[in-house]
């Protein structure tokens, strides 16, 4: 039974039924199509030559349509004499064409869009990581200025921090802050804020040298402001400044040197059954050794070669920094490793004044000859680079360097608090 009979002209057929499928065939001059829907099957009749039909159905087949032959009998009731005039390329009298699903084109379209979106996101992530890497490498020493006391921008006092254990990283941070202050011509003076129990000899000495160099080259006042603990290496760096102010609760002093290392002989030999073998060119090559308890001779050797020179250096630094208030003899009496509270340190003339940051600011302004100033400090800004990246020193590595640090004696300007 014929459910529907329609006659399309070429453009209507192309646009409404088979868009973008039969463009070459549809636009041939004079072409007309008769479509019949019989029991849900669409049949197509033509009024052009067999060769054109080959082109037409070849295109249909490549586009995914199914062509069933042998459906002539269903066309007998169509009432159109042209049905018998057409002979198919396969020798049949008609074609049955089943179009593909209506959503197929949209699936392809959205698939393409999804692929492009995924590729674009991958490219965006790669670009982002590239930017982070460049930023981390190029902006590592970038510091921002934070105002902690309001005042005119033409006159500034910069606060530079020495906090925690003093080591090479702390020395590099101090250098970066001092460099920023040097580049700002509006900085009239410095406050070195110290809150440290000390640390390595080299790190303490590097900070001391940078302060001395700044004073000599810039001719600007530098005041040490002690908070919490400013002992040993913390005091070493403080005496590089012209004046020292300490908070009432500060612990300072501890002028001296300490050496620490581990002896693991009993652990290796008695507990683990490991016997270390050392081959050396001279008797003193491995003094001190972590594989044996040091003898009195070895201890004296360390005292003469390491401890005493570092101690004498510390005393000389204090003498140069406090020569207006203390004699060398008195400094040597105080330099037995003792710690002092703020009141006792003031009494012993190891510091100049007890006060807080505001007193330190007023002292710098007086020394610089200014009445008002903006007080600033330098900090590393928060960045995505800082969030996504880390320095190798922040991760514990069981490497040759780590083993060396555990085995070699550490000579330090450090108050251990034991």
Protein backbone atom coordinates (compact mmCIF):
# COMPACT_ATOMS: atom_id res chain seq x y z
CA UNK A 1 0.00 0.00 0.00
CA UNK A 2 1.32 3.41 -0.94
CA UNK A 3 1.33 5.65 2.13
CA UNK A 4 2.76 8.78 0.58
CA UNK A 5 3.65 10.02 -2.88
CA UNK A 6 5.61 13.20 -3.43
CA UNK A 7 7.21 14.77 -6.43
CA UNK A 8 10.28 16.87 -5.76
CA UNK A 9 12.05 19.27 -8.01
CA UNK A 10 15.80 19.15 -8.02
CA UNK A 11 16.49 21.91 -5.46
CA UNK A 12 13.76 20.91 -3.04
CA UNK A 13 14.95 17.31 -3.15
CA UNK A 14 18.54 18.29 -2.45
CA UNK A 15 17.75 20.68 0.38
CA UNK A 16 14.95 18.77 2.09
CA UNK A 17 15.74 15.10 1.65
CA UNK A 18 19.38 14.47 0.81
CA UNK A 19 21.33 17.61 1.76
CA UNK A 20 24.96 17.63 0.57
CA UNK A 21 24.63 14.05 -0.81
CA UNK A 22 23.63 14.33 -4.46
CA UNK A 23 24.79 17.84 -5.26
CA UNK A 24 26.38 16.92 -8.61
CA UNK A 25 23.37 14.92 -9.75
CA UNK A 26 20.67 17.14 -8.30
CA UNK A 27 21.70 20.23 -10.18
CA UNK A 28 21.57 18.67 -13.63
CA UNK A 29 19.21 20.56 -15.86
CA UNK A 30 15.69 19.12 -16.00
CA UNK A 31 16.20 16.49 -13.35
CA UNK A 32 13.06 15.44 -11.42
CA UNK A 33 12.54 12.78 -8.79
CA UNK A 34 9.51 10.76 -7.81
CA UNK A 35 9.69 9.35 -4.28
CA UNK A 36 7.26 6.79 -2.93
CA UNK A 37 7.10 5.60 0.65
CA UNK A 38 5.72 2.05 0.71
CA UNK A 39 5.54 0.33 4.09
CA UNK A 40 8.28 2.57 5.42
CA UNK A 41 10.61 2.03 2.41
CA UNK A 42 11.52 4.96 0.18
CA UNK A 43 11.70 4.30 -3.57
CA UNK A 44 13.17 6.68 -6.10
CA UNK A 45 12.36 6.96 -9.80
CA UNK A 46 14.39 8.90 -12.36
CA UNK A 47 13.88 10.39 -15.79
CA UNK A 48 17.54 10.58 -16.82
CA UNK A 49 19.97 8.18 -18.40
CA UNK A 50 21.50 5.07 -16.90
CA UNK A 51 24.97 6.61 -16.73
CA UNK A 52 23.69 9.40 -14.51
CA UNK A 53 22.08 6.79 -12.27
CA UNK A 54 25.47 5.13 -11.87
CA UNK A 55 26.90 8.44 -10.65
CA UNK A 56 23.94 9.09 -8.40
CA UNK A 57 23.88 5.72 -6.66
CA UNK A 58 27.61 5.47 -6.49
CA UNK A 59 27.56 8.71 -4.52
CA UNK A 60 24.77 7.39 -2.31
CA UNK A 61 26.63 4.20 -1.57
CA UNK A 62 29.84 6.06 -0.60
CA UNK A 63 27.85 8.29 1.71
CA UNK A 64 26.53 5.34 3.70
CA UNK A 65 23.11 4.62 2.15
CA UNK A 66 21.86 1.05 1.68
CA UNK A 67 20.55 0.19 -1.80
CA UNK A 68 18.30 -2.80 -2.18
CA UNK A 69 17.44 -4.11 -5.60
CA UNK A 70 14.54 -6.15 -6.82
CA UNK A 71 11.76 -3.92 -5.47
CA UNK A 72 9.92 -3.52 -8.80
CA UNK A 73 6.82 -5.24 -7.70
CA UNK A 74 6.20 -2.62 -5.08
CA UNK A 75 6.16 0.10 -7.73
CA UNK A 76 3.44 -1.37 -9.84
CA UNK A 77 0.78 0.57 -8.05
CA UNK A 78 2.47 3.87 -8.35
CA UNK A 79 0.57 4.86 -11.46
CA UNK A 80 3.68 6.36 -13.03
CA UNK A 81 4.60 4.92 -16.45
CA UNK A 82 8.22 6.02 -15.96
CA UNK A 83 8.80 3.13 -13.60
CA UNK A 84 9.06 0.66 -16.43
CA UNK A 85 11.25 2.93 -18.50
CA UNK A 86 14.17 2.81 -16.12
CA UNK A 87 16.57 -0.10 -16.01
CA UNK A 88 19.03 -0.09 -13.12
CA UNK A 89 22.74 -0.71 -13.62
CA UNK A 90 22.28 -4.12 -12.02
CA UNK A 91 19.47 -5.03 -14.39
CA UNK A 92 16.68 -4.26 -11.92
CA UNK A 93 13.71 -1.98 -12.44
CA UNK A 94 14.05 0.13 -9.28
CA UNK A 95 16.13 1.02 -6.29
CA UNK A 96 15.15 1.09 -2.63
CA UNK A 97 17.22 3.64 -0.71
CA UNK A 98 17.31 3.74 3.08
CA UNK A 99 18.84 6.95 4.37
CA UNK A 100 21.20 6.88 7.32
CA UNK A 101 20.06 8.13 10.72
CA UNK A 102 19.26 11.80 11.02
CA UNK A 103 21.70 12.33 13.95
CA UNK A 104 24.79 10.95 12.21
CA UNK A 105 25.95 14.34 10.92
CA UNK A 106 25.59 15.92 14.35
CA UNK A 107 27.62 13.11 15.93
CA UNK A 108 30.47 13.75 13.51
CA UNK A 109 30.24 17.49 14.14
CA UNK A 110 30.33 17.16 17.94
CA UNK A 111 33.14 14.60 17.67
CA UNK A 112 35.24 17.10 15.75
CA UNK A 113 34.45 19.85 18.27
CA UNK A 114 35.38 17.55 21.18
CA UNK A 115 38.68 16.59 19.56
CA UNK A 116 39.58 20.23 18.92
CA UNK A 117 38.66 21.10 22.52
CA UNK A 118 40.87 18.36 23.97
CA UNK A 119 43.83 19.37 21.81
CA UNK A 120 43.34 23.02 22.72
CA UNK A 121 43.31 22.21 26.44
CA UNK A 122 46.48 20.14 26.15
CA UNK A 123 48.19 23.00 24.33
CA UNK A 124 46.99 25.43 27.00
CA UNK A 125 48.43 23.28 29.80
CA UNK A 126 51.79 23.02 28.00
CA UNK A 127 51.89 26.78 27.50
CA UNK A 128 51.02 27.30 31.17
CA UNK A 129 53.84 25.05 32.35
CA UNK A 130 56.21 26.83 29.99
CA UNK A 131 55.25 30.20 31.45
CA UNK A 132 55.71 28.86 34.99
CA UNK A 133 59.16 27.51 34.14
CA UNK A 134 60.27 30.82 32.59
CA UNK A 135 58.81 32.79 35.49
CA UNK A 136 60.48 30.55 38.09
CA UNK A 137 63.86 30.89 36.37
CA UNK A 138 63.70 34.57 35.51
CA UNK A 139 61.90 35.98 38.56
CA UNK A 140 63.55 33.96 41.33
CA UNK A 141 65.11 37.03 42.98
CA UNK A 142 62.10 39.31 42.52
CA UNK A 143 61.02 40.95 45.79
CA UNK A 144 58.03 43.13 46.55
CA UNK A 145 58.04 46.12 48.86
CA UNK A 146 55.58 46.03 51.73
CA UNK A 147 54.90 49.13 53.80
CA UNK A 148 54.88 48.49 57.57
CA UNK A 149 54.92 52.15 58.66
CA UNK A 150 53.36 54.91 56.57
CA UNK A 151 55.40 57.92 55.58
CA UNK A 152 56.67 59.91 52.59
CA UNK A 153 57.97 57.82 49.70
CA UNK A 154 60.95 60.13 49.20
CA UNK A 155 62.46 58.97 52.52
CA UNK A 156 62.44 55.27 53.38
CA UNK A 157 63.85 52.97 56.01
CA UNK A 158 64.27 49.38 54.80
CA UNK A 159 63.91 46.46 57.21
CA UNK A 160 65.96 43.42 56.17
CA UNK A 161 65.38 40.11 57.93
CA UNK A 162 67.81 37.47 59.21
CA UNK A 163 65.58 34.68 60.48
CA UNK A 164 66.12 31.04 61.40
CA UNK A 165 69.29 29.02 60.97
CA UNK A 166 71.91 30.98 59.10
CA UNK A 167 73.22 29.06 56.08
CA UNK A 168 74.07 29.79 52.46
CA UNK A 169 70.39 30.10 51.51
CA UNK A 170 69.79 32.64 54.29
CA UNK A 171 72.89 34.55 53.16
CA UNK A 172 71.59 34.62 49.56
CA UNK A 173 68.19 35.88 50.75
CA UNK A 174 69.88 38.65 52.74
CA UNK A 175 71.95 39.63 49.71
CA UNK A 176 68.82 39.87 47.54
CA UNK A 177 67.09 42.12 50.07
CA UNK A 178 70.14 44.31 50.44
CA UNK A 179 70.48 44.57 46.68
CA UNK A 180 66.87 45.79 46.43
CA UNK A 181 67.57 48.43 49.08
CA UNK A 182 70.70 49.56 47.23
CA UNK A 183 68.74 50.10 44.04
CA UNK A 184 66.20 52.34 45.79
CA UNK A 185 67.78 55.79 46.09
CA UNK A 186 65.04 56.88 48.49
CA UNK A 187 66.27 54.47 51.20
CA UNK A 188 67.93 56.59 53.90
CA UNK A 189 68.89 53.79 56.29
CA UNK A 190 68.56 50.12 57.20
CA UNK A 191 67.25 48.06 60.09
CA UNK A 192 68.62 44.50 60.21
CA UNK A 193 66.00 42.49 62.06
CA UNK A 194 67.71 39.44 63.63
CA UNK A 195 65.88 36.43 65.03
CA UNK A 196 68.36 33.58 64.75
CA UNK A 197 70.34 31.21 67.00
CA UNK A 198 73.15 31.35 64.46
CA UNK A 199 74.31 28.75 61.97
CA UNK A 200 77.23 28.09 59.69
CA UNK A 201 80.44 30.07 59.96
CA UNK A 202 80.47 30.93 56.27
CA UNK A 203 76.82 32.04 56.17
CA UNK A 204 77.25 34.29 59.22
CA UNK A 205 80.43 35.78 57.84
CA UNK A 206 78.87 36.48 54.43
CA UNK A 207 76.02 38.48 56.01
CA UNK A 208 78.49 40.34 58.22
CA UNK A 209 80.60 41.26 55.18
CA UNK A 210 77.59 42.50 53.18
CA UNK A 211 76.53 44.82 56.01
CA UNK A 212 80.04 46.21 56.34
CA UNK A 213 80.26 46.74 52.59
CA UNK A 214 76.93 48.58 52.53
CA UNK A 215 78.00 50.91 55.31
CA UNK A 216 81.30 51.73 53.61
CA UNK A 217 79.85 52.29 50.13
CA UNK A 218 76.46 53.87 50.85
CA UNK A 219 77.41 55.87 53.97
CA UNK A 220 73.95 55.27 55.44
CA UNK A 221 73.07 54.26 59.01
CA UNK A 222 72.45 50.58 59.80
CA UNK A 223 70.87 49.46 63.08
CA UNK A 224 70.46 45.88 64.34
CA UNK A 225 67.11 45.07 65.91
CA UNK A 226 67.09 41.79 67.90
CA UNK A 227 63.97 39.73 68.44
CA UNK A 228 63.55 36.40 70.21
CA UNK A 229 66.96 34.76 69.86
CA UNK A 230 69.93 36.59 68.41
CA UNK A 231 72.74 34.41 69.68
CA UNK A 232 76.08 33.20 68.35
CA UNK A 233 75.91 33.72 64.56
CA UNK A 234 72.92 36.00 65.17
CA UNK A 235 75.09 38.21 67.37
CA UNK A 236 77.98 37.89 64.90
CA UNK A 237 75.87 39.52 62.17
CA UNK A 238 74.47 42.15 64.56
CA UNK A 239 77.85 43.61 65.51
CA UNK A 240 78.36 44.59 61.87
CA UNK A 241 75.77 47.35 62.49
CA UNK A 242 76.47 50.73 64.08
CA UNK A 243 73.96 50.26 66.91
CA UNK A 244 72.14 47.29 68.46
CA UNK A 245 68.65 47.44 69.95
CA UNK A 246 67.08 44.35 71.52
CA UNK A 247 63.56 43.58 72.65
CA UNK A 248 63.21 42.99 76.43
CA UNK A 249 62.75 39.22 75.94
CA UNK A 250 65.71 38.72 73.61
CA UNK A 251 68.37 36.07 74.28
CA UNK A 252 71.76 36.98 72.88
CA UNK A 253 75.47 36.35 73.39
CA UNK A 254 76.76 32.77 73.00
CA UNK A 255 80.01 34.06 71.57
CA UNK A 256 81.91 30.95 70.58
CA UNK A 257 82.20 27.94 68.28
CA UNK A 258 80.72 24.47 68.40
CA UNK A 259 81.50 21.33 66.42
CA UNK A 260 79.14 18.38 66.01
CA UNK A 261 79.50 15.01 64.36
CA UNK A 262 78.29 11.44 64.90
CA UNK A 263 80.27 8.34 65.83
CA UNK A 264 78.52 5.22 64.52
CA UNK A 265 81.19 2.62 65.27
CA UNK A 266 79.14 0.63 67.78
CA UNK A 267 76.02 0.75 65.62
CA UNK A 268 77.82 -0.54 62.53
CA UNK A 269 80.04 -3.16 64.13
CA UNK A 270 78.01 -4.48 67.08
CA UNK A 271 74.43 -4.02 65.87
CA UNK A 272 74.70 -4.37 62.09
CA UNK A 273 77.88 -6.38 61.74
CA UNK A 274 79.39 -3.88 59.31
CA UNK A 275 83.14 -3.33 59.51
CA UNK A 276 84.26 -0.14 57.70
CA UNK A 277 87.59 -0.22 55.89
CA UNK A 278 89.52 3.05 55.47
CA UNK A 279 92.59 3.39 53.25
CA UNK A 280 94.42 6.70 53.68
CA UNK A 281 97.67 8.42 52.73
CA UNK A 282 98.48 9.76 56.18
CA UNK A 283 97.63 9.21 59.82
CA UNK A 284 95.51 12.37 60.17
CA UNK A 285 93.71 12.14 56.81
CA UNK A 286 90.44 10.90 58.34
CA UNK A 287 90.54 12.82 61.62
CA UNK A 288 87.88 12.90 62.98
CA UNK A 289 86.26 9.68 61.82
CA UNK A 290 82.66 8.63 62.31
CA UNK A 291 83.84 5.02 62.45
CA UNK A 292 85.79 5.34 65.71
CA UNK A 293 85.68 7.24 68.99
CA UNK A 294 88.19 10.14 68.80
CA UNK A 295 91.27 10.00 70.95
CA UNK A 296 92.48 12.92 73.07
CA UNK A 297 95.08 13.66 70.41
CA UNK A 298 92.39 13.84 67.72
CA UNK A 299 90.22 16.13 69.87
CA UNK A 300 93.14 18.47 70.45
CA UNK A 301 93.90 18.38 66.74
CA UNK A 302 90.33 19.57 65.97
CA UNK A 303 90.61 22.22 68.66
CA UNK A 304 93.81 23.64 67.22
CA UNK A 305 92.91 23.38 63.54
CA UNK A 306 89.20 24.26 63.50
CA UNK A 307 87.76 25.54 66.77
CA UNK A 308 90.43 28.03 67.81
CA UNK A 309 90.76 29.85 64.45
CA UNK A 310 86.98 30.21 64.17
CA UNK A 311 86.77 31.41 67.77
CA UNK A 312 89.50 34.01 67.26
CA UNK A 313 87.67 35.26 64.19
CA UNK A 314 84.48 35.67 66.23
CA UNK A 315 86.29 37.59 68.99
CA UNK A 316 87.95 39.92 66.47
CA UNK A 317 84.58 40.67 64.89
CA UNK A 318 83.08 41.60 68.27
CA UNK A 319 86.11 43.70 69.18
CA UNK A 320 85.81 45.66 65.91
CA UNK A 321 82.09 46.16 66.37
CA UNK A 322 82.05 47.04 70.09
CA UNK A 323 85.44 48.76 70.47
CA UNK A 324 83.80 51.97 71.67
CA UNK A 325 82.13 50.26 74.63
CA UNK A 326 84.15 47.11 75.40
CA UNK A 327 87.81 46.24 75.66
CA UNK A 328 89.23 43.11 74.07
CA UNK A 329 89.99 41.66 77.48
CA UNK A 330 86.40 42.06 78.64
CA UNK A 331 85.08 40.61 75.41
CA UNK A 332 87.24 37.51 75.88
CA UNK A 333 85.81 37.11 79.35
CA UNK A 334 82.30 37.23 77.95
CA UNK A 335 83.13 35.00 74.98
CA UNK A 336 82.87 31.70 76.84
CA UNK A 337 79.65 30.67 75.11
CA UNK A 338 77.39 32.23 77.76
CA UNK A 339 74.00 33.58 76.80
CA UNK A 340 72.53 36.82 78.13
CA UNK A 341 69.06 38.25 78.51
CA UNK A 342 68.42 41.76 77.25
CA UNK A 343 68.96 43.44 80.63
CA UNK A 344 72.23 41.62 81.29
CA UNK A 345 73.43 42.19 77.72
CA UNK A 346 72.81 45.91 78.14
CA UNK A 347 74.67 45.90 81.45
CA UNK A 348 77.61 44.11 79.83
CA UNK A 349 77.44 46.59 76.93
CA UNK A 350 76.89 43.89 74.33
CA UNK A 351 73.90 45.95 73.10
CA UNK A 352 73.14 49.67 73.11
CA UNK A 353 69.47 49.87 73.98
CA UNK A 354 66.38 47.88 74.90
CA UNK A 355 63.31 48.66 72.83
CA UNK A 356 60.99 47.65 70.05
CA UNK A 357 60.82 48.28 66.33
CA UNK A 358 59.53 51.83 66.77
CA UNK A 359 62.58 52.72 68.87
CA UNK A 360 64.83 51.25 66.17
CA UNK A 361 63.02 53.35 63.54
CA UNK A 362 63.44 56.53 65.58
CA UNK A 363 67.13 55.80 66.06
CA UNK A 364 67.68 55.36 62.29
CA UNK A 365 65.80 58.59 61.54
CA UNK A 366 67.98 60.48 64.02
CA UNK A 367 71.17 59.03 62.58
CA UNK A 368 70.00 59.75 59.00
CA UNK A 369 68.93 63.31 59.84
CA UNK A 370 65.29 62.91 58.76
CA UNK A 371 62.10 63.57 60.70
CA UNK A 372 59.70 61.30 58.88
CA UNK A 373 60.09 58.17 56.78
CA UNK A 374 58.20 55.31 55.22
CA UNK A 375 59.29 51.97 56.67
CA UNK A 376 59.29 49.05 54.25
CA UNK A 377 60.41 45.45 54.13
CA UNK A 378 61.04 43.12 51.22
CA UNK A 379 59.25 39.84 50.67
CA UNK A 380 58.95 37.26 47.97
CA UNK A 381 55.56 37.58 46.28
CA UNK A 382 53.16 34.66 46.06
CA UNK A 383 53.28 33.13 42.61
CA UNK A 384 52.09 30.10 40.71
CA UNK A 385 55.73 29.24 40.19
CA UNK A 386 56.21 29.06 43.88
CA UNK A 387 53.19 26.84 44.24
CA UNK A 388 54.05 24.37 41.49
CA UNK A 389 57.75 24.27 41.81
CA UNK A 390 60.14 23.40 44.62
CA UNK A 391 63.81 23.57 45.19
CA UNK A 392 65.75 20.37 45.40
CA UNK A 393 67.04 21.41 48.82
CA UNK A 394 63.52 21.07 50.26
CA UNK A 395 63.50 17.33 49.60
CA UNK A 396 65.59 14.94 51.68
CA UNK A 397 68.08 13.18 49.45
CA UNK A 398 70.11 10.23 50.63
CA UNK A 399 73.08 11.12 48.49
CA UNK A 400 76.82 11.36 48.86
CA UNK A 401 76.49 14.99 49.97
CA UNK A 402 73.98 14.05 52.69
CA UNK A 403 76.22 11.28 53.97
CA UNK A 404 79.14 13.70 54.03
CA UNK A 405 77.16 16.20 56.10
CA UNK A 406 76.36 13.52 58.67
CA UNK A 407 79.92 12.22 58.83
CA UNK A 408 81.99 15.42 58.64
CA UNK A 409 82.26 17.67 61.72
CA UNK A 410 80.15 20.81 61.42
CA UNK A 411 81.95 23.90 62.73
CA UNK A 412 79.27 26.45 63.57
CA UNK A 413 78.49 29.74 65.26
CA UNK A 414 75.36 28.23 66.79
CA UNK A 415 73.59 28.21 70.13
CA UNK A 416 72.03 24.76 70.39
CA UNK A 417 70.05 25.48 73.56
CA UNK A 418 71.19 22.23 75.21
